[in-house]
Protein backbone atom coordinates (compact mmCIF):
# COMPACT_ATOMS: atom_id res chain seq x y z
CA MET A 1 10.53 -16.25 -19.75
CA GLN A 2 11.72 -13.65 -22.24
CA ILE A 3 9.33 -12.37 -24.89
CA PRO A 4 10.11 -10.07 -27.83
CA PHE A 5 7.91 -7.01 -27.44
CA LYS A 6 7.39 -4.18 -29.92
CA ILE A 7 6.87 -0.75 -28.35
CA ASP A 8 4.62 1.42 -30.48
CA SER A 9 6.46 4.37 -32.02
CA ALA A 10 3.73 6.76 -30.89
CA VAL A 11 4.33 5.69 -27.27
CA ARG A 12 8.08 6.20 -27.65
CA LYS A 13 7.50 9.79 -28.78
CA ARG A 14 5.56 10.66 -25.65
CA ARG A 15 7.54 12.98 -23.38
CA MET A 16 6.99 10.94 -20.22
CA PHE A 17 7.95 7.63 -21.83
CA ALA A 18 10.99 9.11 -23.57
CA ALA A 19 12.24 10.53 -20.27
CA ALA A 20 11.83 7.13 -18.57
CA CYS A 21 13.80 5.49 -21.37
CA GLU A 22 16.60 8.04 -20.90
CA ILE A 23 16.84 7.04 -17.23
CA THR A 24 17.12 3.32 -18.01
CA ALA A 25 19.66 4.07 -20.75
CA ARG A 26 21.89 6.07 -18.37
CA LEU A 27 21.74 3.31 -15.75
CA ARG A 28 22.65 0.71 -18.33
CA SER A 29 25.49 2.78 -19.76
CA ALA A 30 26.89 2.93 -16.21
CA GLY A 31 26.91 -0.88 -16.08
CA TYR A 32 23.68 -1.52 -14.19
CA SER A 33 20.56 -3.47 -15.08
CA ALA A 34 17.46 -1.32 -15.51
CA TYR A 35 13.89 -2.11 -16.53
CA LEU A 36 10.50 -0.53 -16.76
CA VAL A 37 8.25 -2.38 -14.32
CA GLY A 38 4.72 -2.54 -12.93
CA GLY A 39 1.67 -0.81 -14.31
CA ALA A 40 3.47 0.76 -17.29
CA VAL A 41 4.50 -2.64 -18.65
CA ARG A 42 1.07 -4.09 -17.94
CA ASP A 43 -0.64 -1.23 -19.78
CA LEU A 44 1.71 -1.60 -22.76
CA CYS A 45 0.80 -5.29 -22.96
CA LEU A 46 -2.87 -4.29 -23.02
CA GLY A 47 -2.27 -1.80 -25.83
CA ARG A 48 -2.74 1.19 -23.54
CA VAL A 49 -0.56 4.25 -23.14
CA PRO A 50 1.06 4.26 -19.67
CA LYS A 51 0.18 7.18 -17.40
CA ASP A 52 3.47 6.89 -15.52
CA CYS A 53 6.59 4.74 -15.55
CA ASP A 54 8.39 3.09 -12.64
CA ILE A 55 11.92 1.78 -13.01
CA THR A 56 13.75 -0.99 -11.19
CA THR A 57 17.52 -1.51 -11.14
CA ASP A 58 20.36 -3.28 -9.36
CA ALA A 59 22.00 0.09 -8.66
CA ALA A 60 22.02 1.02 -4.98
CA PRO A 61 20.24 4.25 -3.94
CA SER A 62 23.59 6.00 -3.45
CA GLU A 63 24.64 5.03 -6.97
CA ILE A 64 21.33 6.23 -8.41
CA MET A 65 21.79 9.60 -6.71
CA ARG A 66 25.37 9.84 -8.02
CA LEU A 67 24.15 9.30 -11.59
CA PHE A 68 21.23 11.69 -11.13
CA PRO A 69 22.40 14.59 -8.94
CA ASP A 70 18.99 16.28 -8.98
CA SER A 71 17.24 13.21 -7.60
CA ILE A 72 15.17 13.31 -4.40
CA PRO A 73 16.31 10.82 -1.73
CA LEU A 74 12.94 10.60 0.01
CA GLY A 75 12.42 6.85 0.48
CA ALA A 76 16.05 5.98 -0.19
CA SER A 77 16.26 3.93 3.02
CA PHE A 78 13.61 1.66 1.49
CA GLY A 79 15.46 1.54 -1.81
CA VAL A 80 13.38 4.09 -3.69
CA VAL A 81 14.79 7.30 -5.18
CA THR A 82 12.76 9.90 -7.07
CA VAL A 83 14.65 10.85 -10.21
CA VAL A 84 13.78 14.12 -11.92
CA ALA A 85 13.95 13.99 -15.72
CA ASP A 86 12.55 16.59 -18.10
CA SER A 87 10.80 18.21 -15.10
CA MET A 88 8.95 14.96 -14.32
CA HIS A 89 9.35 12.63 -11.34
CA PHE A 90 10.11 8.93 -11.72
CA GLU A 91 10.41 6.34 -8.96
CA VAL A 92 13.60 4.33 -9.40
CA ALA A 93 13.74 1.37 -7.02
CA THR A 94 16.66 -0.88 -6.20
CA PHE A 95 16.05 -4.62 -6.52
CA ARG A 96 15.08 -5.76 -3.04
CA GLU A 97 13.62 -8.51 -0.92
CA GLU A 98 11.12 -7.72 1.85
CA ARG A 99 10.24 -9.81 4.89
CA ASN A 100 8.08 -9.80 8.06
CA TYR A 101 5.16 -7.48 7.40
CA GLU A 102 4.02 -7.25 11.01
CA ASP A 103 1.63 -4.29 10.62
CA GLY A 104 -0.04 -5.36 7.39
CA ARG A 105 1.71 -2.66 5.43
CA ARG A 106 5.45 -2.13 6.04
CA PRO A 107 8.18 -4.79 5.92
CA GLU A 108 10.31 -5.13 9.04
CA HIS A 109 13.35 -6.17 7.01
CA ILE A 110 14.54 -5.01 3.57
CA ARG A 111 17.55 -6.51 1.82
CA PHE A 112 18.87 -5.13 -1.45
CA SER A 113 19.47 -7.82 -4.01
CA LYS A 114 21.18 -8.12 -7.37
CA THR A 115 18.63 -10.22 -9.23
CA PRO A 116 15.33 -9.10 -10.72
CA GLN A 117 13.81 -12.50 -9.82
CA GLU A 118 13.99 -11.66 -6.12
CA ASP A 119 12.60 -8.19 -6.74
CA VAL A 120 9.49 -9.28 -8.63
CA ALA A 121 8.81 -12.04 -6.09
CA ARG A 122 7.87 -9.36 -3.50
CA ARG A 123 5.30 -7.64 -5.74
CA ASP A 124 1.52 -8.06 -5.49
CA PHE A 125 0.08 -9.47 -8.73
CA THR A 126 1.65 -11.33 -11.62
CA ILE A 127 0.37 -8.72 -14.09
CA ASN A 128 2.36 -6.04 -12.23
CA ALA A 129 5.63 -8.00 -12.09
CA MET A 130 6.72 -7.97 -15.73
CA LEU A 131 9.98 -6.26 -16.69
CA LEU A 132 10.63 -4.47 -19.97
CA ASP A 133 13.94 -3.34 -21.41
CA PRO A 134 12.93 -0.45 -23.67
CA GLU A 135 16.25 -0.58 -25.52
CA THR A 136 16.21 -4.25 -26.57
CA GLU A 137 12.40 -4.49 -26.45
CA ILE A 138 12.60 -7.73 -24.49
CA LEU A 139 9.90 -8.42 -21.90
CA THR A 140 11.02 -10.60 -18.99
CA ASP A 141 8.27 -12.44 -17.11
CA TYR A 142 9.19 -14.62 -14.13
CA THR A 143 5.69 -15.02 -12.68
CA GLY A 144 3.38 -15.73 -15.64
CA GLY A 145 1.81 -12.27 -15.78
CA TYR A 146 1.89 -12.10 -19.57
CA GLU A 147 -0.06 -15.34 -19.88
CA ASP A 148 -2.47 -14.26 -17.13
CA LEU A 149 -3.24 -11.07 -19.07
CA ARG A 150 -3.80 -13.11 -22.20
CA ARG A 151 -6.20 -15.42 -20.36
CA GLY A 152 -7.87 -12.58 -18.45
CA ILE A 153 -6.90 -13.88 -14.99
CA LEU A 154 -5.89 -11.93 -11.88
CA ARG A 155 -3.50 -13.85 -9.61
CA THR A 156 -1.19 -12.91 -6.78
CA ILE A 157 2.47 -13.85 -6.88
CA GLY A 158 2.54 -16.94 -4.75
CA ASP A 159 0.09 -17.61 -1.93
CA PRO A 160 -2.63 -14.90 -1.85
CA VAL A 161 -3.02 -15.08 1.94
CA THR A 162 0.68 -14.32 2.29
CA ARG A 163 0.59 -11.51 -0.27
CA PHE A 164 -2.48 -9.86 1.29
CA SER A 165 -1.10 -10.24 4.81
CA GLU A 166 1.95 -8.22 3.72
CA ASP A 167 -0.28 -5.28 2.82
CA TYR A 168 -4.02 -5.48 3.43
CA LEU A 169 -4.65 -2.73 0.88
CA ARG A 170 -3.82 -5.28 -1.82
CA MET A 171 -7.29 -6.73 -1.27
CA LEU A 172 -8.89 -3.46 -2.38
CA ARG A 173 -6.41 -3.16 -5.23
CA ALA A 174 -7.36 -6.67 -6.35
CA ILE A 175 -10.99 -5.60 -6.66
CA ARG A 176 -10.04 -2.43 -8.52
CA PHE A 177 -7.71 -4.21 -10.94
CA ALA A 178 -10.21 -6.99 -11.62
CA VAL A 179 -12.90 -4.49 -12.60
CA ARG A 180 -10.74 -1.89 -14.30
CA LEU A 181 -8.86 -4.43 -16.43
CA GLN A 182 -11.83 -6.79 -16.85
CA LEU A 183 -9.99 -9.73 -15.31
CA THR A 184 -11.45 -12.76 -13.55
CA PRO A 185 -10.02 -13.08 -10.03
CA ASP A 186 -8.41 -16.42 -9.26
CA GLU A 187 -10.52 -18.54 -6.89
CA ASP A 188 -7.74 -18.75 -4.29
CA LEU A 189 -7.46 -14.95 -4.42
CA MET A 190 -11.17 -14.55 -3.75
CA ARG A 191 -11.10 -17.00 -0.85
CA ALA A 192 -8.15 -15.14 0.66
CA ILE A 193 -10.04 -11.83 0.57
CA GLU A 194 -13.05 -13.43 2.26
CA LEU A 195 -10.75 -14.82 4.94
CA LEU A 196 -8.77 -11.64 5.56
CA ALA A 197 -11.42 -8.95 4.96
CA PRO A 198 -11.78 -8.20 8.73
CA LYS A 199 -8.08 -7.22 8.74
CA LEU A 200 -8.88 -4.28 6.47
CA ARG A 201 -9.87 -2.34 9.61
CA TYR A 202 -6.18 -2.01 10.41
CA LEU A 203 -5.51 0.10 7.32
CA SER A 204 -5.11 3.85 7.66
CA ALA A 205 -8.22 5.87 6.86
CA GLU A 206 -6.42 7.81 4.14
CA ARG A 207 -5.37 4.70 2.22
CA VAL A 208 -8.89 3.25 2.36
CA ARG A 209 -10.42 6.57 1.30
CA ASP A 210 -8.06 6.99 -1.64
CA GLU A 211 -8.55 3.44 -2.90
CA PHE A 212 -12.35 3.67 -2.73
CA THR A 213 -12.16 7.03 -4.50
CA ARG A 214 -10.13 5.46 -7.31
CA ILE A 215 -12.78 2.76 -7.59
CA LEU A 216 -15.60 5.33 -7.67
CA CYS A 217 -13.87 7.31 -10.42
CA GLY A 218 -12.91 4.29 -12.47
CA PRO A 219 -14.88 2.07 -14.85
CA SER A 220 -17.84 0.04 -13.54
CA PRO A 221 -17.72 1.11 -9.88
CA ASP A 222 -20.96 -0.79 -9.32
CA ARG A 223 -19.25 -4.07 -10.20
CA ALA A 224 -16.43 -3.28 -7.80
CA PHE A 225 -18.79 -2.50 -4.91
CA ARG A 226 -20.87 -5.60 -5.57
CA MET A 227 -17.68 -7.65 -5.37
CA ALA A 228 -16.64 -5.81 -2.21
CA GLU A 229 -20.02 -6.56 -0.62
CA ARG A 230 -19.91 -10.21 -1.62
CA LEU A 231 -16.40 -10.70 -0.19
CA GLY A 232 -17.08 -8.98 3.14
CA VAL A 233 -15.02 -5.87 2.35
CA LEU A 234 -17.95 -3.46 2.81
CA LYS A 235 -18.88 -5.06 6.10
CA ALA A 236 -15.37 -4.35 7.33
CA LEU A 237 -14.89 -0.85 5.94
CA LEU A 238 -18.27 0.64 4.98
CA PRO A 239 -20.93 -1.17 7.01
CA GLU A 240 -23.27 1.77 6.36
CA ILE A 241 -23.35 0.79 2.67
CA GLU A 242 -23.53 -2.93 3.35
CA ALA A 243 -26.61 -2.21 5.54
CA MET A 244 -28.56 -1.15 2.43
CA ARG A 245 -28.69 -4.75 1.23
CA GLY A 246 -32.18 -6.18 1.68
CA VAL A 247 -33.86 -2.87 2.58
CA GLU A 248 -36.91 -3.12 0.33
CA GLN A 249 -38.54 -0.07 -1.28
CA PRO A 250 -41.99 0.62 -2.77
CA LYS A 251 -42.03 -1.03 -6.18
CA GLU A 252 -44.04 1.77 -7.78
CA PHE A 253 -41.13 4.14 -7.17
CA HIS A 254 -38.27 1.65 -7.12
CA PRO A 255 -38.92 -1.24 -9.49
CA GLU A 256 -35.15 -1.84 -9.60
CA GLY A 257 -35.07 -3.37 -6.11
CA ASP A 258 -33.70 -2.66 -2.65
CA VAL A 259 -31.66 0.36 -1.57
CA PHE A 260 -28.33 -1.32 -2.32
CA GLU A 261 -29.46 -2.30 -5.82
CA HIS A 262 -30.68 1.25 -6.45
CA THR A 263 -27.34 2.69 -5.34
CA MET A 264 -25.36 0.29 -7.51
CA LEU A 265 -27.53 1.18 -10.50
CA MET A 266 -26.80 4.85 -9.87
CA LEU A 267 -23.06 4.18 -9.81
CA SER A 268 -23.35 2.46 -13.18
CA HIS A 269 -25.03 5.55 -14.67
CA MET A 270 -22.29 8.07 -13.88
CA ALA A 271 -21.40 9.71 -17.19
CA TYR A 272 -18.65 11.96 -15.80
CA PRO A 273 -17.34 10.38 -12.58
CA SER A 274 -15.80 12.59 -9.92
CA PRO A 275 -14.94 11.97 -6.27
CA GLU A 276 -17.74 14.30 -5.14
CA LEU A 277 -20.38 12.66 -7.34
CA GLY A 278 -19.25 9.11 -6.60
CA TRP A 279 -19.30 9.55 -2.83
CA SER A 280 -22.60 11.48 -3.00
CA ILE A 281 -24.24 8.62 -4.87
CA LEU A 282 -22.78 6.05 -2.49
CA MET A 283 -24.04 7.90 0.59
CA HIS A 284 -27.28 9.54 -0.63
CA ASP A 285 -29.62 6.82 0.72
CA ALA A 286 -27.47 5.73 3.67
CA GLY A 287 -30.22 6.95 6.01
CA LYS A 288 -32.91 4.66 4.61
CA PRO A 289 -32.14 1.53 6.66
CA ALA A 290 -32.60 3.52 9.90
CA CYS A 291 -35.64 5.47 8.66
CA ARG A 292 -37.66 2.70 7.06
CA GLY A 293 -41.21 2.56 8.37
CA VAL A 294 -44.58 1.09 7.40
CA ARG A 295 -47.87 3.02 7.49
CA GLU A 296 -51.16 1.53 8.68
CA ASP A 297 -52.11 0.86 5.06
CA GLY A 298 -48.94 -1.18 4.59
CA ARG A 299 -47.08 1.41 2.50
CA VAL A 300 -43.34 1.69 3.15
CA HIS A 301 -41.87 5.14 3.84
CA PHE A 302 -38.47 6.63 4.62
CA HIS A 303 -39.35 9.91 6.33
CA SER A 304 -36.37 12.28 6.82
CA HIS A 305 -33.92 9.76 5.42
CA GLU A 306 -32.01 12.58 3.74
CA GLU A 307 -31.27 14.21 7.12
CA LYS A 308 -30.26 10.91 8.65
CA GLY A 309 -28.19 10.17 5.55
CA ALA A 310 -26.35 13.47 5.94
CA GLU A 311 -25.52 12.54 9.55
CA ILE A 312 -24.23 9.14 8.47
CA ALA A 313 -22.27 10.64 5.58
CA ALA A 314 -20.64 13.12 7.94
CA GLU A 315 -19.58 10.28 10.26
CA VAL A 316 -18.24 8.11 7.41
CA LEU A 317 -16.32 10.96 5.78
CA ARG A 318 -14.90 12.02 9.15
CA ARG A 319 -13.80 8.45 9.75
CA LEU A 320 -12.11 8.36 6.34
CA LYS A 321 -10.50 11.78 6.94
CA MET A 322 -12.04 13.25 3.80
CA PRO A 323 -10.78 16.79 3.10
CA GLY A 324 -13.14 19.38 4.58
CA ARG A 325 -14.30 21.10 1.40
CA MET A 326 -15.06 17.84 -0.38
CA SER A 327 -16.78 16.47 2.70
CA ASP A 328 -19.00 19.57 2.91
CA CYS A 329 -20.03 19.19 -0.75
CA ILE A 330 -20.95 15.53 -0.32
CA ILE A 331 -22.87 16.03 2.92
CA ALA A 332 -24.85 18.92 1.40
CA ALA A 333 -25.69 16.82 -1.67
CA VAL A 334 -26.97 13.99 0.54
CA ARG A 335 -29.01 16.35 2.71
CA ASN A 336 -30.55 18.17 -0.29
CA HIS A 337 -31.15 15.33 -2.72
CA MET A 338 -34.92 15.21 -2.09
CA ARG A 339 -35.68 18.90 -2.53
CA PHE A 340 -35.68 18.66 -6.33
CA ALA A 341 -38.90 16.65 -6.03
CA GLN A 342 -40.67 19.91 -5.11
CA ILE A 343 -39.14 22.13 -7.77
CA ASP A 344 -42.43 22.47 -9.69
CA LYS A 345 -44.07 23.94 -6.57
CA MET A 346 -41.33 26.44 -5.72
CA ARG A 347 -41.81 30.15 -6.31
CA THR A 348 -39.30 31.71 -8.67
CA ALA A 349 -37.24 33.37 -5.95
CA LYS A 350 -36.71 30.07 -4.14
CA TRP A 351 -35.64 27.98 -7.13
CA ARG A 352 -33.37 30.75 -8.39
CA ARG A 353 -31.62 30.78 -5.03
CA LEU A 354 -31.30 27.01 -5.24
CA VAL A 355 -29.82 27.22 -8.74
CA ALA A 356 -27.29 29.85 -7.61
CA GLU A 357 -25.83 27.66 -4.87
CA GLU A 358 -22.24 26.56 -5.43
CA ASN A 359 -23.19 22.89 -5.01
CA PHE A 360 -26.05 23.07 -7.53
CA PRO A 361 -24.33 21.35 -10.51
CA LEU A 362 -23.36 18.37 -8.32
CA GLU A 363 -26.82 18.12 -6.75
CA LEU A 364 -28.58 18.42 -10.10
CA GLU A 365 -26.52 15.59 -11.56
CA LEU A 366 -27.17 13.49 -8.47
CA HIS A 367 -30.91 14.13 -8.95
CA ARG A 368 -30.77 13.15 -12.63
CA ILE A 369 -28.97 9.88 -11.92
CA ASP A 370 -31.30 9.18 -8.97
CA CYS A 371 -34.36 9.50 -11.23
CA ILE A 372 -33.08 7.39 -14.13
CA SER A 373 -32.11 4.67 -11.65
CA CYS A 374 -35.63 4.20 -10.26
CA HIS A 375 -38.92 5.53 -11.69
CA GLY A 376 -37.25 7.20 -14.69
CA LYS A 377 -39.25 10.43 -14.41
CA LEU A 378 -37.13 13.44 -15.34
CA GLY A 379 -39.87 16.07 -15.33
CA ASN A 380 -38.41 18.25 -12.58
CA TYR A 381 -34.89 17.96 -13.97
CA LEU A 382 -36.07 19.10 -17.41
CA LEU A 383 -38.23 21.82 -15.84
CA LEU A 384 -35.17 23.36 -14.22
CA LEU A 385 -33.25 23.27 -17.48
CA ASP A 386 -36.19 24.82 -19.33
CA ARG A 387 -36.52 27.63 -16.79
CA LEU A 388 -32.84 28.45 -17.02
CA HIS A 389 -33.09 28.42 -20.81
CA GLU A 390 -36.18 30.63 -20.86
CA LEU A 391 -34.51 33.21 -18.63
CA GLU A 392 -31.31 32.85 -20.66
CA ILE A 393 -29.27 32.53 -17.47
CA SER A 394 -26.68 30.08 -16.27
CA HIS A 395 -26.04 28.59 -12.84
CA ALA A 396 -23.61 31.46 -12.13
CA GLU A 397 -26.12 34.11 -13.23
CA ALA A 398 -29.17 32.85 -11.35
CA LEU A 399 -28.91 35.54 -8.68
CA PRO A 400 -28.55 39.06 -10.12
CA PRO A 401 -27.16 41.89 -7.94
CA PRO A 402 -29.96 42.98 -5.57
CA PHE A 403 -31.60 46.36 -6.16
CA LEU A 404 -31.43 47.25 -2.48
CA LYS A 405 -28.68 47.20 0.10
CA GLY A 406 -28.70 47.64 3.85
CA ASP A 407 -28.12 51.39 3.65
CA ASP A 408 -31.25 51.73 1.49
CA ILE A 409 -33.34 50.09 4.19
CA LEU A 410 -31.77 52.15 7.00
CA ALA A 411 -32.49 55.33 5.02
CA LEU A 412 -36.20 54.51 5.30
CA GLY A 413 -35.96 54.87 9.08
CA VAL A 414 -35.67 51.15 9.90
CA LEU A 415 -33.51 50.53 12.98
CA PRO A 416 -30.46 48.26 12.67
CA GLY A 417 -31.29 44.66 13.49
CA PRO A 418 -33.04 41.56 12.11
CA GLY A 419 -35.71 43.68 10.44
CA VAL A 420 -33.17 44.96 7.92
CA GLY A 421 -32.32 41.46 6.78
CA PHE A 422 -36.00 40.53 6.59
CA LEU A 423 -36.78 43.51 4.33
CA LEU A 424 -33.73 42.89 2.13
CA LYS A 425 -34.87 39.29 1.54
CA TYR A 426 -38.43 40.53 0.89
CA ALA A 427 -37.18 42.96 -1.76
CA ALA A 428 -34.86 40.35 -3.28
CA ASP A 429 -37.75 37.84 -3.52
CA LEU A 430 -39.86 40.41 -5.39
CA GLN A 431 -36.94 41.07 -7.71
CA LEU A 432 -36.34 37.37 -8.43
CA ASP A 433 -40.06 36.75 -8.92
CA GLY A 434 -40.14 39.55 -11.49
CA ILE A 435 -42.64 41.65 -9.48
CA VAL A 436 -40.28 44.62 -9.32
CA SER A 437 -37.82 45.51 -12.08
CA THR A 438 -36.10 48.66 -10.79
CA LYS A 439 -34.58 49.95 -7.58
CA GLU A 440 -37.35 52.56 -7.31
CA GLU A 441 -40.05 49.88 -7.53
CA ALA A 442 -38.23 47.83 -4.89
CA LEU A 443 -38.06 50.82 -2.52
CA ASN A 444 -41.76 51.52 -3.01
CA ALA A 445 -42.60 47.90 -2.28
CA VAL A 446 -40.59 48.02 0.96
CA LYS A 447 -42.27 51.28 1.98
CA ASN A 448 -45.67 49.71 1.36
CA ARG A 449 -44.61 46.68 3.41
CA LEU A 450 -43.71 48.96 6.31
CA ILE A 451 -47.00 50.93 6.11
CA HIS A 452 -49.33 48.02 5.40
CA PRO A 453 -47.67 44.83 6.70
CA SER A 454 -50.92 42.88 6.54
CA ASP A 455 -51.29 43.57 2.80
CA VAL A 456 -48.37 41.33 1.92
């Protein structure tokens, strides 16, 4: 089916889109067919500005590289050439047919074809298989994607079991697209995911990690994870999260429900999603199922669940091959998420050290979302903000340069060793608590500590 389609003039003026159009124009002027395809066309149909543009053509990889001498041949054996235009990279793929996906990801056989019908037949979802000629502004739709978008339906091209068996990651993409684009998954699609969910274990850790991260940073991640739990996806890939279902909590602190419900509510309250925050929320109560206990009076408790949660988070992130720095941030946030409950009892030196930690902004936001997703009490969160405001300091300024250094302590006759560090911390605590305000006062305090240790 061919549909007249008007491309907004503002979109045409965008540098990325204009460069993509130049590529299709050069291919066409050389006698080849060339279309925009995939997510860019889908987003245009939804009235959105595409973030990137993929191009499909009947030109062979060698012919693409002849027309675009600066192109990058990585992937050319699979029919994909990266064309560089206006300093941007565009994937230009030759029409092809793929067969025999024996490993649930890569086709065993690829055959270049001359018709766009064969090319779109290998793609995942109908909404991603529409072709657009930016010159004539004609949209070509062989699979019904345009009508599916209009009706708000997500369907695979052909049999969903076949499509998902070609690449198991498509099951996760189906969940992400359904939520992100607010589409209703086709019933056959849902049944296919339920059937094939155990196969997700064969996916590489990196692909799973990246897809879940996209979900966490996208719209309504809670809806996506609820769908994943319902279809058996969490059981296959993140059983630690699936285990939260049905773990009841004290209603006076958690009127929202069990641990899974609490976590989903937190995901829905992310104002500024990031990979670190999303994964921290997802994992922060992972230790509760293992730590749940009941006192003699019948009260439920989760003693040390933050430590257990940090252990579980470390195992999950290691399994998913999360980059080290990001993994460290998330594990620390999980381990520390309960310490904000004691902020009103901390001496000044301790909370200022807490505020100065590199991970503090992430942990503070995790604490805020944790509170609004259960009892709703934000007293400690606001107390921290008030204290920072009163002192007119920021997170980066919470720890001023210390009055004393190691040489100052050694000059008092203290021998090198642990005692130097102890006295430096003692002096720094007095400084942060506002008890001493000059280097001289700090030195006097240390001298007094050495002469009268029992007075402190």
